[in-house]
N, C-alpha and C. Protein backbone atom coordinates (compact mmCIF):
# COMPACT_ATOMS: atom_id res chain seq x y z
N UNK A 1 41.53 26.96 147.26
CA UNK A 1 40.32 27.64 146.86
C UNK A 1 40.18 27.60 145.34
N UNK A 2 41.28 27.81 144.64
CA UNK A 2 41.25 27.84 143.17
C UNK A 2 40.84 26.48 142.61
N UNK A 3 41.45 25.42 143.10
CA UNK A 3 41.14 24.07 142.60
C UNK A 3 39.69 23.72 142.90
N UNK A 4 39.25 24.03 144.10
CA UNK A 4 37.87 23.74 144.47
C UNK A 4 36.88 24.51 143.62
N UNK A 5 37.16 25.76 143.36
CA UNK A 5 36.27 26.59 142.53
C UNK A 5 36.20 26.06 141.10
N UNK A 6 37.36 25.67 140.55
CA UNK A 6 37.37 25.12 139.20
C UNK A 6 36.60 23.80 139.12
N UNK A 7 36.74 22.97 140.14
CA UNK A 7 36.05 21.69 140.15
C UNK A 7 34.54 21.88 140.24
N UNK A 8 34.10 22.74 141.13
CA UNK A 8 32.66 23.02 141.25
C UNK A 8 32.12 23.61 139.94
N UNK A 9 32.87 24.53 139.36
CA UNK A 9 32.46 25.13 138.09
C UNK A 9 32.32 24.07 137.01
N UNK A 10 33.25 23.12 136.97
CA UNK A 10 33.18 22.07 135.96
C UNK A 10 31.95 21.19 136.16
N UNK A 11 31.64 20.86 137.40
CA UNK A 11 30.45 20.03 137.65
C UNK A 11 29.18 20.76 137.23
N UNK A 12 29.09 22.06 137.48
CA UNK A 12 27.95 22.82 137.00
C UNK A 12 27.91 22.85 135.48
N UNK A 13 29.07 22.92 134.85
CA UNK A 13 29.15 22.90 133.40
C UNK A 13 28.63 21.57 132.85
N UNK A 14 28.99 20.47 133.50
CA UNK A 14 28.51 19.15 133.09
C UNK A 14 26.99 19.07 133.20
N UNK A 15 26.45 19.58 134.30
CA UNK A 15 25.00 19.55 134.50
C UNK A 15 24.29 20.36 133.42
N UNK A 16 24.75 21.58 133.19
CA UNK A 16 24.10 22.44 132.20
C UNK A 16 24.25 21.86 130.80
N UNK A 17 25.41 21.31 130.48
CA UNK A 17 25.63 20.69 129.18
C UNK A 17 24.70 19.49 128.99
N UNK A 18 24.53 18.70 130.04
CA UNK A 18 23.63 17.54 129.98
C UNK A 18 22.18 17.98 129.74
N UNK A 19 21.76 19.03 130.41
CA UNK A 19 20.41 19.56 130.21
C UNK A 19 20.24 20.04 128.77
N UNK A 20 21.25 20.71 128.24
CA UNK A 20 21.18 21.21 126.86
C UNK A 20 21.09 20.06 125.87
N UNK A 21 21.89 19.02 126.06
CA UNK A 21 21.85 17.86 125.15
C UNK A 21 20.50 17.16 125.26
N UNK A 22 19.99 16.99 126.47
CA UNK A 22 18.68 16.35 126.65
C UNK A 22 17.57 17.17 125.99
N UNK A 23 17.65 18.48 126.08
CA UNK A 23 16.64 19.35 125.46
C UNK A 23 16.69 19.23 123.94
N UNK A 24 17.89 19.23 123.38
CA UNK A 24 18.04 19.08 121.93
C UNK A 24 17.49 17.73 121.49
N UNK A 25 17.78 16.69 122.26
CA UNK A 25 17.29 15.35 121.92
C UNK A 25 15.77 15.29 122.00
N UNK A 26 15.20 15.92 123.02
CA UNK A 26 13.75 15.92 123.21
C UNK A 26 13.04 16.65 122.07
N UNK A 27 13.65 17.75 121.60
CA UNK A 27 13.05 18.51 120.50
C UNK A 27 13.15 17.78 119.18
N UNK A 28 14.04 16.82 119.09
CA UNK A 28 14.18 16.05 117.86
C UNK A 28 15.04 16.71 116.80
N UNK A 29 15.66 17.82 117.12
CA UNK A 29 16.52 18.47 116.14
C UNK A 29 17.87 17.75 116.09
N UNK A 30 18.52 17.81 114.94
CA UNK A 30 19.81 17.11 114.82
C UNK A 30 20.87 17.73 115.74
N UNK A 31 21.60 16.86 116.41
CA UNK A 31 22.64 17.33 117.33
C UNK A 31 23.81 17.90 116.55
N UNK A 32 24.41 18.93 117.09
CA UNK A 32 25.64 19.55 116.59
C UNK A 32 25.46 20.09 115.17
N UNK A 33 24.24 20.41 114.79
CA UNK A 33 23.99 20.96 113.46
C UNK A 33 24.20 22.47 113.43
N UNK A 34 23.71 23.15 114.42
CA UNK A 34 23.78 24.61 114.46
C UNK A 34 25.12 25.07 115.05
N UNK A 35 25.50 26.28 114.70
CA UNK A 35 26.76 26.85 115.20
C UNK A 35 26.74 26.97 116.72
N UNK A 36 25.58 27.27 117.29
CA UNK A 36 25.46 27.41 118.74
C UNK A 36 25.77 26.08 119.44
N UNK A 37 25.28 24.99 118.87
CA UNK A 37 25.54 23.66 119.44
C UNK A 37 27.02 23.30 119.33
N UNK A 38 27.61 23.62 118.19
CA UNK A 38 29.03 23.32 117.99
C UNK A 38 29.89 24.14 118.96
N UNK A 39 29.51 25.39 119.18
CA UNK A 39 30.26 26.23 120.12
C UNK A 39 30.13 25.70 121.54
N UNK A 40 28.94 25.25 121.91
CA UNK A 40 28.73 24.68 123.23
C UNK A 40 29.58 23.43 123.45
N UNK A 41 29.62 22.57 122.45
CA UNK A 41 30.45 21.36 122.53
C UNK A 41 31.92 21.72 122.64
N UNK A 42 32.35 22.70 121.85
CA UNK A 42 33.75 23.13 121.89
C UNK A 42 34.11 23.68 123.26
N UNK A 43 33.26 24.52 123.82
CA UNK A 43 33.54 25.08 125.15
C UNK A 43 33.54 24.00 126.22
N UNK A 44 32.64 23.02 126.09
CA UNK A 44 32.63 21.92 127.05
C UNK A 44 33.93 21.12 126.98
N UNK A 45 34.41 20.84 125.78
CA UNK A 45 35.67 20.11 125.63
C UNK A 45 36.85 20.92 126.16
N UNK A 46 36.86 22.23 125.89
CA UNK A 46 37.94 23.07 126.40
C UNK A 46 37.93 23.11 127.94
N UNK A 47 36.75 23.17 128.54
CA UNK A 47 36.65 23.16 130.00
C UNK A 47 37.16 21.83 130.55
N UNK A 48 36.85 20.73 129.85
CA UNK A 48 37.32 19.42 130.29
C UNK A 48 38.84 19.34 130.25
N UNK A 49 39.44 19.80 129.15
CA UNK A 49 40.90 19.78 129.03
C UNK A 49 41.56 20.71 130.06
N UNK A 50 40.93 21.84 130.34
CA UNK A 50 41.48 22.78 131.32
C UNK A 50 41.49 22.16 132.71
N UNK A 51 40.41 21.50 133.07
CA UNK A 51 40.34 20.87 134.39
C UNK A 51 41.34 19.71 134.47
N UNK A 52 41.40 18.89 133.43
CA UNK A 52 42.34 17.77 133.42
C UNK A 52 43.78 18.28 133.50
N UNK A 53 44.08 19.34 132.77
CA UNK A 53 45.43 19.91 132.82
C UNK A 53 45.80 20.42 134.20
N UNK A 54 44.82 20.99 134.88
CA UNK A 54 45.07 21.48 136.24
C UNK A 54 45.36 20.35 137.21
N UNK A 55 44.64 19.25 137.07
CA UNK A 55 44.87 18.11 137.96
C UNK A 55 46.13 17.33 137.61
N UNK A 56 46.49 17.30 136.35
CA UNK A 56 47.67 16.54 135.93
C UNK A 56 48.96 17.34 136.00
N UNK A 57 48.86 18.61 136.31
CA UNK A 57 50.04 19.47 136.42
C UNK A 57 50.88 19.02 137.61
N UNK A 58 52.21 19.00 137.45
CA UNK A 58 53.06 18.62 138.58
C UNK A 58 52.94 19.61 139.73
N UNK A 59 53.13 19.13 140.93
CA UNK A 59 53.03 20.02 142.09
C UNK A 59 54.20 20.99 142.13
N UNK A 60 54.05 22.03 142.92
CA UNK A 60 55.09 23.06 143.01
C UNK A 60 56.41 22.48 143.53
N UNK A 61 56.33 21.49 144.40
CA UNK A 61 57.54 20.91 144.98
C UNK A 61 58.38 20.17 143.95
N UNK A 62 57.73 19.65 142.90
CA UNK A 62 58.47 18.91 141.87
C UNK A 62 59.10 19.82 140.84
N UNK A 63 58.65 21.04 140.77
CA UNK A 63 59.19 21.99 139.81
C UNK A 63 60.27 22.81 140.52
N UNK A 64 61.49 22.74 140.00
CA UNK A 64 62.57 23.49 140.64
C UNK A 64 62.43 24.96 140.28
N UNK A 65 62.71 25.84 141.23
CA UNK A 65 62.61 27.27 140.95
C UNK A 65 63.68 27.69 139.94
N UNK A 66 63.38 28.64 139.09
CA UNK A 66 64.39 29.09 138.12
C UNK A 66 65.54 29.77 138.84
N UNK A 67 66.73 29.53 138.35
CA UNK A 67 67.91 30.16 138.95
C UNK A 67 68.23 31.43 138.19
N UNK A 68 68.65 32.40 138.93
CA UNK A 68 69.03 33.68 138.35
C UNK A 68 70.54 33.77 138.38
N UNK A 69 71.17 33.78 137.22
CA UNK A 69 72.63 33.79 137.14
C UNK A 69 73.22 35.03 137.80
N UNK A 70 72.53 36.14 137.74
CA UNK A 70 73.04 37.38 138.33
C UNK A 70 73.13 37.27 139.85
N UNK A 71 72.23 36.54 140.47
CA UNK A 71 72.25 36.39 141.93
C UNK A 71 73.38 35.46 142.38
N UNK A 72 73.77 34.53 141.51
CA UNK A 72 74.81 33.55 141.87
C UNK A 72 76.21 34.12 141.71
N UNK A 73 76.35 35.22 141.00
CA UNK A 73 77.67 35.81 140.80
C UNK A 73 78.06 36.61 142.05
N UNK A 74 79.33 36.57 142.37
CA UNK A 74 79.83 37.33 143.52
C UNK A 74 80.60 38.54 142.99
N UNK A 75 80.55 39.60 143.74
CA UNK A 75 81.31 40.79 143.38
C UNK A 75 82.74 40.65 143.86
N UNK A 76 83.68 40.83 142.94
CA UNK A 76 85.09 40.74 143.31
C UNK A 76 85.69 42.11 143.55
N UNK A 77 84.88 43.13 143.67
CA UNK A 77 85.38 44.49 143.88
C UNK A 77 85.88 44.72 145.27
């Protein structure tokens, strides 16, 4: 559910970002000039890296569980 939700969210982000870029281009204003445009680009890039990191992360089976030294010790009492 988590992976699917993130993927759908990213596709909506791509659509909205594309609409924003097309609108800026249509208005003829310079791209990435205003702070709002720069923030939008930054958030889009962060969302891209977050999604890529989620997909490139090793699966749970490849990551060994941490060992607890206290559990491995036996009581000699």
